[in-house]
Amino acid sequence: MRVGPIHYPDDARGTSISGVGDADHWDEEWQVATVKSAPQEVMNAIEQALLAAQWQKAASTSGDTLRSTWRFKGDDGAVWTASYVLTKGSDRLIGRTILQN
């Protein structure tokens, strides 16, 4: 299932930096500009969007780098794995999404 909009905290704004992939994988880098939101608050917003799309959470880690791994069925019926990684930069949060079939 496709993910709908991510409702970041009020002070946070996400933008895509780059993305590349094909029918079997996708790799995207993005950033979230925020004044006061903690990385975990931003990850919570991402996870809420994934739950709403009926993806299933497989694992997560915390610490300096947050990682959340999910599984979902693609439009072709194949099971995909998605990893969302979030790290704190000097003035923004840096994210990476990796999807694999």
C-alpha atoms as a PDB file:
ATOM      1  CA  MET A   1       0.000   0.000   0.000  1.00  0.00           C
ATOM      2  CA  ARG A   2       1.123   3.503  -0.687  1.00  0.00           C
ATOM      3  CA  VAL A   3       1.933   5.873   2.167  1.00  0.00           C
ATOM      4  CA  GLY A   4      -0.159   8.991   2.525  1.00  0.00           C
ATOM      5  CA  PRO A   5       1.133  12.346   3.739  1.00  0.00           C
ATOM      6  CA  ILE A   6       3.413  12.470   6.759  1.00  0.00           C
ATOM      7  CA  HIS A   7       2.091  14.902   9.357  1.00  0.00           C
ATOM      8  CA  TYR A   8       5.316  16.209  10.876  1.00  0.00           C
ATOM      9  CA  PRO A   9       5.249  18.254  14.089  1.00  0.00           C
ATOM     10  CA  ASP A  10       4.144  21.858  13.486  1.00  0.00           C
ATOM     11  CA  ASP A  11       7.686  23.263  13.386  1.00  0.00           C
ATOM     12  CA  ALA A  12       9.087  20.574  11.050  1.00  0.00           C
ATOM     13  CA  ARG A  13       9.223  20.550   7.255  1.00  0.00           C
ATOM     14  CA  GLY A  14      10.453  17.614   5.173  1.00  0.00           C
ATOM     15  CA  THR A  15      12.021  17.882   1.722  1.00  0.00           C
ATOM     16  CA  SER A  16      13.510  15.317  -0.639  1.00  0.00           C
ATOM     17  CA  ILE A  17      17.216  15.624  -1.477  1.00  0.00           C
ATOM     18  CA  SER A  18      17.628  12.770  -3.958  1.00  0.00           C
ATOM     19  CA  GLY A  19      16.154   9.458  -4.975  1.00  0.00           C
ATOM     20  CA  VAL A  20      17.141   6.636  -7.274  1.00  0.00           C
ATOM     21  CA  GLY A  21      15.802   3.180  -7.917  1.00  0.00           C
ATOM     22  CA  ASP A  22      14.006   0.745 -10.168  1.00  0.00           C
ATOM     23  CA  ALA A  23      11.256  -1.885  -9.970  1.00  0.00           C
ATOM     24  CA  ASP A  24      13.126  -3.846  -7.241  1.00  0.00           C
ATOM     25  CA  HIS A  25      14.537  -1.148  -4.958  1.00  0.00           C
ATOM     26  CA  TRP A  26      14.406   2.535  -4.087  1.00  0.00           C
ATOM     27  CA  ASP A  27      16.890   4.684  -2.165  1.00  0.00           C
ATOM     28  CA  GLU A  28      15.915   8.206  -1.140  1.00  0.00           C
ATOM     29  CA  GLU A  29      17.662  10.849   0.937  1.00  0.00           C
ATOM     30  CA  TRP A  30      15.652  13.605   2.585  1.00  0.00           C
ATOM     31  CA  GLN A  31      15.905  16.208   5.301  1.00  0.00           C
ATOM     32  CA  VAL A  32      13.637  17.665   7.927  1.00  0.00           C
ATOM     33  CA  ALA A  33      14.161  21.246   9.016  1.00  0.00           C
ATOM     34  CA  THR A  34      12.932  21.758  12.576  1.00  0.00           C
ATOM     35  CA  VAL A  35      13.379  24.332  15.295  1.00  0.00           C
ATOM     36  CA  LYS A  36      12.436  22.310  18.346  1.00  0.00           C
ATOM     37  CA  SER A  37      11.169  18.826  17.433  1.00  0.00           C
ATOM     38  CA  ALA A  38      13.245  15.918  18.698  1.00  0.00           C
ATOM     39  CA  PRO A  39      14.294  13.219  16.213  1.00  0.00           C
ATOM     40  CA  GLN A  40      11.976  10.717  17.925  1.00  0.00           C
ATOM     41  CA  GLU A  41       8.981  13.031  17.377  1.00  0.00           C
ATOM     42  CA  VAL A  42       9.746  13.147  13.656  1.00  0.00           C
ATOM     43  CA  MET A  43      10.197   9.357  13.499  1.00  0.00           C
ATOM     44  CA  ASN A  44       6.876   8.943  15.327  1.00  0.00           C
ATOM     45  CA  ALA A  45       5.177  11.023  12.606  1.00  0.00           C
ATOM     46  CA  ILE A  46       6.723   8.822   9.903  1.00  0.00           C
ATOM     47  CA  GLU A  47       5.662   5.658  11.711  1.00  0.00           C
ATOM     48  CA  GLN A  48       2.085   6.924  12.085  1.00  0.00           C
ATOM     49  CA  ALA A  49       1.885   7.388   8.297  1.00  0.00           C
ATOM     50  CA  LEU A  50       3.220   3.859   7.738  1.00  0.00           C
ATOM     51  CA  LEU A  51       0.723   2.387  10.214  1.00  0.00           C
ATOM     52  CA  ALA A  52      -2.104   4.252   8.473  1.00  0.00           C
ATOM     53  CA  ALA A  53      -1.000   2.622   5.194  1.00  0.00           C
ATOM     54  CA  GLN A  54      -1.261  -0.769   6.958  1.00  0.00           C
ATOM     55  CA  TRP A  55       2.450  -1.524   6.795  1.00  0.00           C
ATOM     56  CA  GLN A  56       3.763  -3.905   9.464  1.00  0.00           C
ATOM     57  CA  LYS A  57       6.581  -2.854  11.742  1.00  0.00           C
ATOM     58  CA  ALA A  58       9.418  -5.395  11.831  1.00  0.00           C
ATOM     59  CA  ALA A  59      12.023  -3.683  14.055  1.00  0.00           C
ATOM     60  CA  SER A  60      13.306  -0.365  15.388  1.00  0.00           C
ATOM     61  CA  THR A  61      16.371   1.029  17.105  1.00  0.00           C
ATOM     62  CA  SER A  62      17.033   4.174  19.108  1.00  0.00           C
ATOM     63  CA  GLY A  63      20.055   6.244  20.028  1.00  0.00           C
ATOM     64  CA  ASP A  64      21.982   8.747  17.920  1.00  0.00           C
ATOM     65  CA  THR A  65      20.594   7.123  14.772  1.00  0.00           C
ATOM     66  CA  LEU A  66      16.957   6.050  14.691  1.00  0.00           C
ATOM     67  CA  ARG A  67      16.019   3.149  12.415  1.00  0.00           C
ATOM     68  CA  SER A  68      12.575   1.765  11.731  1.00  0.00           C
ATOM     69  CA  THR A  69      12.086  -1.299   9.509  1.00  0.00           C
ATOM     70  CA  TRP A  70       8.756  -2.220   7.935  1.00  0.00           C
ATOM     71  CA  ARG A  71       7.175  -4.772   5.599  1.00  0.00           C
ATOM     72  CA  PHE A  72       4.340  -4.255   3.161  1.00  0.00           C
ATOM     73  CA  LYS A  73       2.811  -5.759   0.032  1.00  0.00           C
ATOM     74  CA  GLY A  74       3.529  -3.830  -3.137  1.00  0.00           C
ATOM     75  CA  ASP A  75       1.096  -3.206  -5.957  1.00  0.00           C
ATOM     76  CA  ASP A  76       2.415  -6.399  -7.579  1.00  0.00           C
ATOM     77  CA  GLY A  77       1.623  -8.471  -4.457  1.00  0.00           C
ATOM     78  CA  ALA A  78       5.302  -8.984  -3.578  1.00  0.00           C
ATOM     79  CA  VAL A  79       6.486  -8.368  -0.015  1.00  0.00           C
ATOM     80  CA  TRP A  80       8.776  -5.359   0.312  1.00  0.00           C
ATOM     81  CA  THR A  81      11.054  -4.284   3.161  1.00  0.00           C
ATOM     82  CA  ALA A  82      11.480  -0.602   3.957  1.00  0.00           C
ATOM     83  CA  SER A  83      14.026   0.951   6.312  1.00  0.00           C
ATOM     84  CA  TYR A  84      13.730   4.531   7.520  1.00  0.00           C
ATOM     85  CA  VAL A  85      16.892   5.974   9.073  1.00  0.00           C
ATOM     86  CA  LEU A  86      17.038   9.360  10.814  1.00  0.00           C
ATOM     87  CA  THR A  87      20.167  11.096  12.144  1.00  0.00           C
ATOM     88  CA  LYS A  88      20.638  14.522  13.653  1.00  0.00           C
ATOM     89  CA  GLY A  89      22.693  16.948  11.574  1.00  0.00           C
ATOM     90  CA  SER A  90      24.071  20.289  12.717  1.00  0.00           C
ATOM     91  CA  ASP A  91      20.916  22.242  11.869  1.00  0.00           C
ATOM     92  CA  ARG A  92      18.458  19.641  10.547  1.00  0.00           C
ATOM     93  CA  LEU A  93      17.566  15.986  10.606  1.00  0.00           C
ATOM     94  CA  ILE A  94      18.882  13.834   7.764  1.00  0.00           C
ATOM     95  CA  GLY A  95      16.864  10.854   6.614  1.00  0.00           C
ATOM     96  CA  ARG A  96      17.268   7.933   4.275  1.00  0.00           C
ATOM     97  CA  THR A  97      14.679   5.488   3.039  1.00  0.00           C
ATOM     98  CA  ILE A  98      15.633   2.179   1.471  1.00  0.00           C
ATOM     99  CA  LEU A  99      12.957  -0.060  -0.074  1.00  0.00           C
ATOM    100  CA  GLN A 100      13.772  -3.536  -1.386  1.00  0.00           C
ATOM    101  CA  ASN A 101      11.699  -6.205  -3.036  1.00  0.00           C
END
